[in-house]
Amino acid sequence: MPSTLTRVLLSEPSGRTHAVVMFSGSLLFLSLYVYAAVLGDSSSSSWLVVMAAGTGLSGIAESLPKDRRRTAGVFRVTAMLVLMDLLATTVFAPEFVVGEQ
């Protein structure tokens, strides 16, 4: 198992194509958040900022040079922790995701 984790998390960054997809997703999540804030319903859309941070960190990891494997791994692990934190928040504090009702 550790060799699989090492191979996946500490692999070479995938390159610009994957990074563009991740940064586009991050921009989409931020755009949705701004749209909700303009409409006045930003209390139930704050989870979009967490999604934007997770995809942005993943995009940074994939845009690094090929010889920065360990740094890319740190960014990947951090992105996974951010997104898993959102998942845990959904389970333990669902009002963060769905808003106050």
PDB file of N, CA and C in Angstrom:
ATOM      1  N   MET A   1       0.804  -1.202   0.000  1.00  0.00           N
ATOM      2  CA  MET A   1       0.000   0.000   0.000  1.00  0.00           C
ATOM      3  C   MET A   1       0.850   1.271   0.000  1.00  0.00           C
ATOM      4  N   PRO A   2       1.887   1.381   0.822  1.00  0.00           N
ATOM      5  CA  PRO A   2       2.670   2.620   0.785  1.00  0.00           C
ATOM      6  C   PRO A   2       3.280   2.884  -0.585  1.00  0.00           C
ATOM      7  N   SER A   3       3.663   1.843  -1.319  1.00  0.00           N
ATOM      8  CA  SER A   3       4.235   2.079  -2.637  1.00  0.00           C
ATOM      9  C   SER A   3       3.190   2.646  -3.599  1.00  0.00           C
ATOM     10  N   THR A   4       1.943   2.231  -3.467  1.00  0.00           N
ATOM     11  CA  THR A   4       0.877   2.775  -4.308  1.00  0.00           C
ATOM     12  C   THR A   4       0.641   4.240  -3.975  1.00  0.00           C
ATOM     13  N   LEU A   5       0.588   4.557  -2.679  1.00  0.00           N
ATOM     14  CA  LEU A   5       0.414   5.952  -2.282  1.00  0.00           C
ATOM     15  C   LEU A   5       1.575   6.813  -2.760  1.00  0.00           C
ATOM     16  N   THR A   6       2.775   6.310  -2.621  1.00  0.00           N
ATOM     17  CA  THR A   6       3.942   7.050  -3.074  1.00  0.00           C
ATOM     18  C   THR A   6       3.906   7.251  -4.577  1.00  0.00           C
ATOM     19  N   ARG A   7       3.507   6.222  -5.296  1.00  0.00           N
ATOM     20  CA  ARG A   7       3.463   6.311  -6.752  1.00  0.00           C
ATOM     21  C   ARG A   7       2.404   7.306  -7.217  1.00  0.00           C
ATOM     22  N   VAL A   8       1.267   7.357  -6.542  1.00  0.00           N
ATOM     23  CA  VAL A   8       0.185   8.243  -6.961  1.00  0.00           C
ATOM     24  C   VAL A   8       0.420   9.672  -6.477  1.00  0.00           C
ATOM     25  N   LEU A   9       0.710   9.839  -5.200  1.00  0.00           N
ATOM     26  CA  LEU A   9       0.828  11.180  -4.638  1.00  0.00           C
ATOM     27  C   LEU A   9       2.117  11.880  -5.028  1.00  0.00           C
ATOM     28  N   LEU A  10       3.186  11.134  -5.187  1.00  0.00           N
ATOM     29  CA  LEU A  10       4.464  11.752  -5.495  1.00  0.00           C
ATOM     30  C   LEU A  10       4.863  11.547  -6.954  1.00  0.00           C
ATOM     31  N   SER A  11       3.883  11.350  -7.808  1.00  0.00           N
ATOM     32  CA  SER A  11       4.188  11.200  -9.229  1.00  0.00           C
ATOM     33  C   SER A  11       4.503  12.574  -9.825  1.00  0.00           C
ATOM     34  N   GLU A  12       5.019  12.557 -11.038  1.00  0.00           N
ATOM     35  CA  GLU A  12       5.303  13.810 -11.720  1.00  0.00           C
ATOM     36  C   GLU A  12       3.998  14.564 -11.963  1.00  0.00           C
ATOM     37  N   PRO A  13       4.044  15.887 -11.908  1.00  0.00           N
ATOM     38  CA  PRO A  13       2.842  16.664 -12.242  1.00  0.00           C
ATOM     39  C   PRO A  13       2.370  16.344 -13.661  1.00  0.00           C
ATOM     40  N   SER A  14       1.074  16.339 -13.863  1.00  0.00           N
ATOM     41  CA  SER A  14       0.489  15.914 -15.129  1.00  0.00           C
ATOM     42  C   SER A  14       0.666  16.911 -16.264  1.00  0.00           C
ATOM     43  N   GLY A  15       0.907  18.150 -15.955  1.00  0.00           N
ATOM     44  CA  GLY A  15       1.136  19.129 -17.010  1.00  0.00           C
ATOM     45  C   GLY A  15       0.054  20.176 -17.100  1.00  0.00           C
ATOM     46  N   ARG A  16       0.205  21.000 -18.108  1.00  0.00           N
ATOM     47  CA  ARG A  16      -0.665  22.170 -18.254  1.00  0.00           C
ATOM     48  C   ARG A  16      -2.116  21.821 -18.555  1.00  0.00           C
ATOM     49  N   THR A  17      -2.357  20.745 -19.272  1.00  0.00           N
ATOM     50  CA  THR A  17      -3.739  20.404 -19.618  1.00  0.00           C
ATOM     51  C   THR A  17      -4.561  20.130 -18.370  1.00  0.00           C
ATOM     52  N   HIS A  18      -4.038  19.317 -17.470  1.00  0.00           N
ATOM     53  CA  HIS A  18      -4.745  19.040 -16.219  1.00  0.00           C
ATOM     54  C   HIS A  18      -4.832  20.293 -15.358  1.00  0.00           C
ATOM     55  N   ALA A  19      -3.782  21.089 -15.353  1.00  0.00           N
ATOM     56  CA  ALA A  19      -3.787  22.314 -14.555  1.00  0.00           C
ATOM     57  C   ALA A  19      -4.852  23.285 -15.056  1.00  0.00           C
ATOM     58  N   VAL A  20      -5.012  23.402 -16.366  1.00  0.00           N
ATOM     59  CA  VAL A  20      -6.028  24.297 -16.923  1.00  0.00           C
ATOM     60  C   VAL A  20      -7.424  23.833 -16.532  1.00  0.00           C
ATOM     61  N   VAL A  21      -7.647  22.534 -16.543  1.00  0.00           N
ATOM     62  CA  VAL A  21      -8.950  21.997 -16.138  1.00  0.00           C
ATOM     63  C   VAL A  21      -9.218  22.318 -14.665  1.00  0.00           C
ATOM     64  N   MET A  22      -8.208  22.126 -13.814  1.00  0.00           N
ATOM     65  CA  MET A  22      -8.382  22.402 -12.390  1.00  0.00           C
ATOM     66  C   MET A  22      -8.601  23.891 -12.128  1.00  0.00           C
ATOM     67  N   PHE A  23      -7.823  24.743 -12.782  1.00  0.00           N
ATOM     68  CA  PHE A  23      -7.993  26.183 -12.596  1.00  0.00           C
ATOM     69  C   PHE A  23      -9.328  26.664 -13.150  1.00  0.00           C
ATOM     70  N   SER A  24      -9.799  26.056 -14.235  1.00  0.00           N
ATOM     71  CA  SER A  24     -11.116  26.409 -14.779  1.00  0.00           C
ATOM     72  C   SER A  24     -12.221  26.022 -13.796  1.00  0.00           C
ATOM     73  N   GLY A  25     -12.083  24.861 -13.196  1.00  0.00           N
ATOM     74  CA  GLY A  25     -13.056  24.457 -12.177  1.00  0.00           C
ATOM     75  C   GLY A  25     -13.051  25.392 -10.991  1.00  0.00           C
ATOM     76  N   SER A  26     -11.870  25.795 -10.569  1.00  0.00           N
ATOM     77  CA  SER A  26     -11.761  26.735  -9.460  1.00  0.00           C
ATOM     78  C   SER A  26     -12.410  28.069  -9.804  1.00  0.00           C
ATOM     79  N   LEU A  27     -12.168  28.550 -11.012  1.00  0.00           N
ATOM     80  CA  LEU A  27     -12.779  29.797 -11.464  1.00  0.00           C
ATOM     81  C   LEU A  27     -14.295  29.669 -11.543  1.00  0.00           C
ATOM     82  N   LEU A  28     -14.780  28.508 -11.971  1.00  0.00           N
ATOM     83  CA  LEU A  28     -16.222  28.268 -12.027  1.00  0.00           C
ATOM     84  C   LEU A  28     -16.841  28.321 -10.630  1.00  0.00           C
ATOM     85  N   PHE A  29     -16.209  27.665  -9.664  1.00  0.00           N
ATOM     86  CA  PHE A  29     -16.731  27.686  -8.298  1.00  0.00           C
ATOM     87  C   PHE A  29     -16.728  29.098  -7.726  1.00  0.00           C
ATOM     88  N   LEU A  30     -15.673  29.859  -7.977  1.00  0.00           N
ATOM     89  CA  LEU A  30     -15.634  31.240  -7.498  1.00  0.00           C
ATOM     90  C   LEU A  30     -16.685  32.103  -8.194  1.00  0.00           C
ATOM     91  N   SER A  31     -16.918  31.860  -9.465  1.00  0.00           N
ATOM     92  CA  SER A  31     -17.947  32.605 -10.191  1.00  0.00           C
ATOM     93  C   SER A  31     -19.334  32.305  -9.628  1.00  0.00           C
ATOM     94  N   LEU A  32     -19.586  31.047  -9.326  1.00  0.00           N
ATOM     95  CA  LEU A  32     -20.878  30.684  -8.716  1.00  0.00           C
ATOM     96  C   LEU A  32     -21.045  31.328  -7.352  1.00  0.00           C
ATOM     97  N   TYR A  33     -19.959  31.410  -6.588  1.00  0.00           N
ATOM     98  CA  TYR A  33     -20.023  32.056  -5.280  1.00  0.00           C
ATOM     99  C   TYR A  33     -20.333  33.547  -5.423  1.00  0.00           C
ATOM    100  N   VAL A  34     -19.658  34.205  -6.347  1.00  0.00           N
ATOM    101  CA  VAL A  34     -19.912  35.636  -6.568  1.00  0.00           C
ATOM    102  C   VAL A  34     -21.342  35.850  -7.044  1.00  0.00           C
ATOM    103  N   TYR A  35     -21.829  34.988  -7.906  1.00  0.00           N
ATOM    104  CA  TYR A  35     -23.214  35.074  -8.376  1.00  0.00           C
ATOM    105  C   TYR A  35     -24.187  34.945  -7.200  1.00  0.00           C
ATOM    106  N   ALA A  36     -23.937  34.000  -6.316  1.00  0.00           N
ATOM    107  CA  ALA A  36     -24.815  33.830  -5.158  1.00  0.00           C
ATOM    108  C   ALA A  36     -24.707  35.033  -4.221  1.00  0.00           C
ATOM    109  N   ALA A  37     -23.519  35.605  -4.093  1.00  0.00           N
ATOM    110  CA  ALA A  37     -23.352  36.769  -3.230  1.00  0.00           C
ATOM    111  C   ALA A  37     -24.095  37.980  -3.795  1.00  0.00           C
ATOM    112  N   VAL A  38     -24.092  38.116  -5.113  1.00  0.00           N
ATOM    113  CA  VAL A  38     -24.814  39.232  -5.741  1.00  0.00           C
ATOM    114  C   VAL A  38     -26.316  39.077  -5.522  1.00  0.00           C
ATOM    115  N   LEU A  39     -26.793  37.843  -5.561  1.00  0.00           N
ATOM    116  CA  LEU A  39     -28.210  37.600  -5.322  1.00  0.00           C
ATOM    117  C   LEU A  39     -28.586  37.719  -3.854  1.00  0.00           C
ATOM    118  N   GLY A  40     -27.598  37.753  -2.969  1.00  0.00           N
ATOM    119  CA  GLY A  40     -27.864  37.911  -1.546  1.00  0.00           C
ATOM    120  C   GLY A  40     -28.004  36.616  -0.793  1.00  0.00           C
ATOM    121  N   ASP A  41     -27.610  35.500  -1.371  1.00  0.00           N
ATOM    122  CA  ASP A  41     -27.736  34.196  -0.722  1.00  0.00           C
ATOM    123  C   ASP A  41     -26.360  33.572  -0.498  1.00  0.00           C
ATOM    124  N   SER A  42     -25.405  34.371  -0.047  1.00  0.00           N
ATOM    125  CA  SER A  42     -24.050  33.856   0.123  1.00  0.00           C
ATOM    126  C   SER A  42     -23.887  33.010   1.382  1.00  0.00           C
ATOM    127  N   SER A  43     -24.869  33.015   2.277  1.00  0.00           N
ATOM    128  CA  SER A  43     -24.744  32.218   3.499  1.00  0.00           C
ATOM    129  C   SER A  43     -24.786  30.724   3.212  1.00  0.00           C
ATOM    130  N   SER A  44     -25.543  30.318   2.198  1.00  0.00           N
ATOM    131  CA  SER A  44     -25.637  28.891   1.893  1.00  0.00           C
ATOM    132  C   SER A  44     -24.698  28.480   0.763  1.00  0.00           C
ATOM    133  N   SER A  45     -23.847  29.383   0.316  1.00  0.00           N
ATOM    134  CA  SER A  45     -22.954  29.030  -0.779  1.00  0.00           C
ATOM    135  C   SER A  45     -21.485  29.167  -0.400  1.00  0.00           C
ATOM    136  N   SER A  46     -21.188  29.251   0.881  1.00  0.00           N
ATOM    137  CA  SER A  46     -19.794  29.395   1.297  1.00  0.00           C
ATOM    138  C   SER A  46     -18.989  28.120   1.042  1.00  0.00           C
ATOM    139  N   TRP A  47     -19.645  27.007   0.834  1.00  0.00           N
ATOM    140  CA  TRP A  47     -18.927  25.772   0.509  1.00  0.00           C
ATOM    141  C   TRP A  47     -18.272  25.865  -0.865  1.00  0.00           C
ATOM    142  N   LEU A  48     -18.744  26.764  -1.716  1.00  0.00           N
ATOM    143  CA  LEU A  48     -18.124  26.940  -3.024  1.00  0.00           C
ATOM    144  C   LEU A  48     -16.697  27.479  -2.917  1.00  0.00           C
ATOM    145  N   VAL A  49     -16.432  28.265  -1.884  1.00  0.00           N
ATOM    146  CA  VAL A  49     -15.077  28.776  -1.678  1.00  0.00           C
ATOM    147  C   VAL A  49     -14.140  27.628  -1.321  1.00  0.00           C
ATOM    148  N   VAL A  50     -14.618  26.679  -0.538  1.00  0.00           N
ATOM    149  CA  VAL A  50     -13.808  25.515  -0.178  1.00  0.00           C
ATOM    150  C   VAL A  50     -13.534  24.654  -1.416  1.00  0.00           C
ATOM    151  N   MET A  51     -14.534  24.476  -2.253  1.00  0.00           N
ATOM    152  CA  MET A  51     -14.331  23.728  -3.496  1.00  0.00           C
ATOM    153  C   MET A  51     -13.328  24.434  -4.399  1.00  0.00           C
ATOM    154  N   ALA A  52     -13.416  25.756  -4.473  1.00  0.00           N
ATOM    155  CA  ALA A  52     -12.474  26.524  -5.290  1.00  0.00           C
ATOM    156  C   ALA A  52     -11.051  26.388  -4.751  1.00  0.00           C
ATOM    157  N   ALA A  53     -10.909  26.398  -3.434  1.00  0.00           N
ATOM    158  CA  ALA A  53      -9.574  26.244  -2.840  1.00  0.00           C
ATOM    159  C   ALA A  53      -9.008  24.858  -3.130  1.00  0.00           C
ATOM    160  N   GLY A  54      -9.834  23.823  -3.007  1.00  0.00           N
ATOM    161  CA  GLY A  54      -9.370  22.463  -3.272  1.00  0.00           C
ATOM    162  C   GLY A  54      -8.947  22.255  -4.714  1.00  0.00           C
ATOM    163  N   THR A  55      -9.750  22.733  -5.648  1.00  0.00           N
ATOM    164  CA  THR A  55      -9.386  22.569  -7.049  1.00  0.00           C
ATOM    165  C   THR A  55      -8.231  23.475  -7.437  1.00  0.00           C
ATOM    166  N   GLY A  56      -8.135  24.638  -6.806  1.00  0.00           N
ATOM    167  CA  GLY A  56      -7.005  25.525  -7.065  1.00  0.00           C
ATOM    168  C   GLY A  56      -5.691  24.920  -6.596  1.00  0.00           C
ATOM    169  N   LEU A  57      -5.699  24.316  -5.409  1.00  0.00           N
ATOM    170  CA  LEU A  57      -4.491  23.648  -4.921  1.00  0.00           C
ATOM    171  C   LEU A  57      -4.095  22.484  -5.823  1.00  0.00           C
ATOM    172  N   SER A  58      -5.073  21.754  -6.301  1.00  0.00           N
ATOM    173  CA  SER A  58      -4.787  20.660  -7.225  1.00  0.00           C
ATOM    174  C   SER A  58      -4.228  21.193  -8.543  1.00  0.00           C
ATOM    175  N   GLY A  59      -4.745  22.311  -9.001  1.00  0.00           N
ATOM    176  CA  GLY A  59      -4.226  22.930 -10.211  1.00  0.00           C
ATOM    177  C   GLY A  59      -2.793  23.394 -10.047  1.00  0.00           C
ATOM    178  N   ILE A  60      -2.473  23.932  -8.885  1.00  0.00           N
ATOM    179  CA  ILE A  60      -1.092  24.337  -8.611  1.00  0.00           C
ATOM    180  C   ILE A  60      -0.179  23.122  -8.642  1.00  0.00           C
ATOM    181  N   ALA A  61      -0.635  22.021  -8.057  1.00  0.00           N
ATOM    182  CA  ALA A  61       0.183  20.805  -8.038  1.00  0.00           C
ATOM    183  C   ALA A  61       0.467  20.302  -9.445  1.00  0.00           C
ATOM    184  N   GLU A  62      -0.511  20.383 -10.326  1.00  0.00           N
ATOM    185  CA  GLU A  62      -0.329  19.867 -11.675  1.00  0.00           C
ATOM    186  C   GLU A  62       0.447  20.824 -12.576  1.00  0.00           C
ATOM    187  N   SER A  63       0.548  22.092 -12.194  1.00  0.00           N
ATOM    188  CA  SER A  63       1.250  23.050 -13.042  1.00  0.00           C
ATOM    189  C   SER A  63       2.720  23.209 -12.691  1.00  0.00           C
ATOM    190  N   LEU A  64       3.188  22.517 -11.679  1.00  0.00           N
ATOM    191  CA  LEU A  64       4.592  22.615 -11.290  1.00  0.00           C
ATOM    192  C   LEU A  64       5.492  21.911 -12.308  1.00  0.00           C
ATOM    193  N   PRO A  65       6.777  22.260 -12.328  1.00  0.00           N
ATOM    194  CA  PRO A  65       7.710  21.555 -13.227  1.00  0.00           C
ATOM    195  C   PRO A  65       7.835  20.080 -12.852  1.00  0.00           C
ATOM    196  N   LYS A  66       8.292  19.275 -13.797  1.00  0.00           N
ATOM    197  CA  LYS A  66       8.359  17.819 -13.613  1.00  0.00           C
ATOM    198  C   LYS A  66       9.268  17.404 -12.458  1.00  0.00           C
ATOM    199  N   ASP A  67      10.288  18.194 -12.147  1.00  0.00           N
ATOM    200  CA  ASP A  67      11.225  17.794 -11.094  1.00  0.00           C
ATOM    201  C   ASP A  67      10.755  18.174  -9.690  1.00  0.00           C
ATOM    202  N   ARG A  68       9.587  18.757  -9.544  1.00  0.00           N
ATOM    203  CA  ARG A  68       9.052  19.161  -8.245  1.00  0.00           C
ATOM    204  C   ARG A  68       8.003  18.173  -7.746  1.00  0.00           C
ATOM    205  N   ARG A  69       8.360  16.897  -7.732  1.00  0.00           N
ATOM    206  CA  ARG A  69       7.416  15.841  -7.369  1.00  0.00           C
ATOM    207  C   ARG A  69       6.955  15.947  -5.927  1.00  0.00           C
ATOM    208  N   ARG A  70       7.863  16.202  -5.022  1.00  0.00           N
ATOM    209  CA  ARG A  70       7.505  16.254  -3.600  1.00  0.00           C
ATOM    210  C   ARG A  70       6.601  17.454  -3.310  1.00  0.00           C
ATOM    211  N   THR A  71       6.902  18.596  -3.907  1.00  0.00           N
ATOM    212  CA  THR A  71       6.059  19.779  -3.718  1.00  0.00           C
ATOM    213  C   THR A  71       4.665  19.536  -4.291  1.00  0.00           C
ATOM    214  N   ALA A  72       4.604  18.899  -5.449  1.00  0.00           N
ATOM    215  CA  ALA A  72       3.303  18.565  -6.030  1.00  0.00           C
ATOM    216  C   ALA A  72       2.534  17.621  -5.109  1.00  0.00           C
ATOM    217  N   GLY A  73       3.236  16.686  -4.490  1.00  0.00           N
ATOM    218  CA  GLY A  73       2.592  15.776  -3.544  1.00  0.00           C
ATOM    219  C   GLY A  73       2.023  16.505  -2.343  1.00  0.00           C
ATOM    220  N   VAL A  74       2.743  17.493  -1.855  1.00  0.00           N
ATOM    221  CA  VAL A  74       2.248  18.284  -0.715  1.00  0.00           C
ATOM    222  C   VAL A  74       0.980  19.033  -1.108  1.00  0.00           C
ATOM    223  N   PHE A  75       0.978  19.626  -2.297  1.00  0.00           N
ATOM    224  CA  PHE A  75      -0.224  20.330  -2.754  1.00  0.00           C
ATOM    225  C   PHE A  75      -1.385  19.366  -2.965  1.00  0.00           C
ATOM    226  N   ARG A  76      -1.117  18.174  -3.481  1.00  0.00           N
ATOM    227  CA  ARG A  76      -2.187  17.183  -3.677  1.00  0.00           C
ATOM    228  C   ARG A  76      -2.783  16.738  -2.351  1.00  0.00           C
ATOM    229  N   VAL A  77      -1.922  16.459  -1.386  1.00  0.00           N
ATOM    230  CA  VAL A  77      -2.410  16.036  -0.064  1.00  0.00           C
ATOM    231  C   VAL A  77      -3.209  17.157   0.590  1.00  0.00           C
ATOM    232  N   THR A  78      -2.721  18.391   0.478  1.00  0.00           N
ATOM    233  CA  THR A  78      -3.442  19.526   1.050  1.00  0.00           C
ATOM    234  C   THR A  78      -4.810  19.693   0.391  1.00  0.00           C
ATOM    235  N   ALA A  79      -4.871  19.553  -0.930  1.00  0.00           N
ATOM    236  CA  ALA A  79      -6.154  19.652  -1.635  1.00  0.00           C
ATOM    237  C   ALA A  79      -7.107  18.555  -1.173  1.00  0.00           C
ATOM    238  N   MET A  80      -6.588  17.350  -1.005  1.00  0.00           N
ATOM    239  CA  MET A  80      -7.434  16.252  -0.538  1.00  0.00           C
ATOM    240  C   MET A  80      -7.955  16.514   0.869  1.00  0.00           C
ATOM    241  N   LEU A  81      -7.106  17.057   1.733  1.00  0.00           N
ATOM    242  CA  LEU A  81      -7.537  17.364   3.098  1.00  0.00           C
ATOM    243  C   LEU A  81      -8.597  18.454   3.120  1.00  0.00           C
ATOM    244  N   VAL A  82      -8.443  19.463   2.276  1.00  0.00           N
ATOM    245  CA  VAL A  82      -9.445  20.536   2.199  1.00  0.00           C
ATOM    246  C   VAL A  82     -10.784  19.978   1.748  1.00  0.00           C
ATOM    247  N   LEU A  83     -10.764  19.147   0.720  1.00  0.00           N
ATOM    248  CA  LEU A  83     -12.021  18.595   0.204  1.00  0.00           C
ATOM    249  C   LEU A  83     -12.630  17.560   1.153  1.00  0.00           C
ATOM    250  N   MET A  84     -11.788  16.789   1.842  1.00  0.00           N
ATOM    251  CA  MET A  84     -12.314  15.845   2.834  1.00  0.00           C
ATOM    252  C   MET A  84     -12.886  16.592   4.037  1.00  0.00           C
ATOM    253  N   ASP A  85     -12.325  17.750   4.355  1.00  0.00           N
ATOM    254  CA  ASP A  85     -12.871  18.568   5.425  1.00  0.00           C
ATOM    255  C   ASP A  85     -14.271  19.058   5.056  1.00  0.00           C
ATOM    256  N   LEU A  86     -14.462  19.424   3.804  1.00  0.00           N
ATOM    257  CA  LEU A  86     -15.800  19.815   3.352  1.00  0.00           C
ATOM    258  C   LEU A  86     -16.773  18.645   3.457  1.00  0.00           C
ATOM    259  N   LEU A  87     -16.316  17.452   3.119  1.00  0.00           N
ATOM    260  CA  LEU A  87     -17.163  16.271   3.232  1.00  0.00           C
ATOM    261  C   LEU A  87     -17.537  16.007   4.692  1.00  0.00           C
ATOM    262  N   ALA A  88     -16.564  16.119   5.589  1.00  0.00           N
ATOM    263  CA  ALA A  88     -16.842  15.925   7.015  1.00  0.00           C
ATOM    264  C   ALA A  88     -17.786  17.000   7.536  1.00  0.00           C
ATOM    265  N   THR A  89     -17.625  18.218   7.063  1.00  0.00           N
ATOM    266  CA  THR A  89     -18.519  19.299   7.474  1.00  0.00           C
ATOM    267  C   THR A  89     -19.933  19.033   6.992  1.00  0.00           C
ATOM    268  N   THR A  90     -20.065  18.457   5.825  1.00  0.00           N
ATOM    269  CA  THR A  90     -21.383  18.114   5.304  1.00  0.00           C
ATOM    270  C   THR A  90     -22.082  17.105   6.199  1.00  0.00           C
ATOM    271  N   VAL A  91     -21.317  16.183   6.759  1.00  0.00           N
ATOM    272  CA  VAL A  91     -21.894  15.158   7.627  1.00  0.00           C
ATOM    273  C   VAL A  91     -22.202  15.721   9.014  1.00  0.00           C
ATOM    274  N   PHE A  92     -21.257  16.472   9.587  1.00  0.00           N
ATOM    275  CA  PHE A  92     -21.400  16.908  10.974  1.00  0.00           C
ATOM    276  C   PHE A  92     -22.034  18.276  11.160  1.00  0.00           C
ATOM    277  N   ALA A  93     -22.002  19.119  10.142  1.00  0.00           N
ATOM    278  CA  ALA A  93     -22.626  20.439  10.229  1.00  0.00           C
ATOM    279  C   ALA A  93     -23.262  20.762   8.874  1.00  0.00           C
ATOM    280  N   PRO A  94     -24.353  20.102   8.529  1.00  0.00           N
ATOM    281  CA  PRO A  94     -24.938  20.288   7.195  1.00  0.00           C
ATOM    282  C   PRO A  94     -25.455  21.700   6.940  1.00  0.00           C
ATOM    283  N   GLU A  95     -25.701  22.479   7.978  1.00  0.00           N
ATOM    284  CA  GLU A  95     -26.185  23.846   7.746  1.00  0.00           C
ATOM    285  C   GLU A  95     -25.136  24.715   7.054  1.00  0.00           C
ATOM    286  N   PHE A  96     -23.888  24.306   7.102  1.00  0.00           N
ATOM    287  CA  PHE A  96     -22.834  25.018   6.382  1.00  0.00           C
ATOM    288  C   PHE A  96     -23.033  24.892   4.873  1.00  0.00           C
ATOM    289  N   VAL A  97     -23.516  23.748   4.444  1.00  0.00           N
ATOM    290  CA  VAL A  97     -23.683  23.495   3.009  1.00  0.00           C
ATOM    291  C   VAL A  97     -25.073  23.924   2.542  1.00  0.00           C
ATOM    292  N   VAL A  98     -26.108  23.582   3.272  1.00  0.00           N
ATOM    293  CA  VAL A  98     -27.472  23.882   2.824  1.00  0.00           C
ATOM    294  C   VAL A  98     -27.990  25.203   3.347  1.00  0.00           C
ATOM    295  N   GLY A  99     -27.296  25.819   4.283  1.00  0.00           N
ATOM    296  CA  GLY A  99     -27.732  27.082   4.843  1.00  0.00           C
ATOM    297  C   GLY A  99     -28.704  26.888   5.987  1.00  0.00           C
ATOM    298  N   GLU A 100     -29.015  27.988   6.630  1.00  0.00           N
ATOM    299  CA  GLU A 100     -29.974  27.965   7.752  1.00  0.00           C
ATOM    300  C   GLU A 100     -31.386  27.860   7.204  1.00  0.00           C
ATOM    301  N   GLN A 101     -32.178  26.978   7.828  1.00  0.00           N
ATOM    302  CA  GLN A 101     -33.550  26.826   7.367  1.00  0.00           C
ATOM    303  C   GLN A 101     -34.534  26.992   8.475  1.00  0.00           C
TER     304      GLN A 101
END
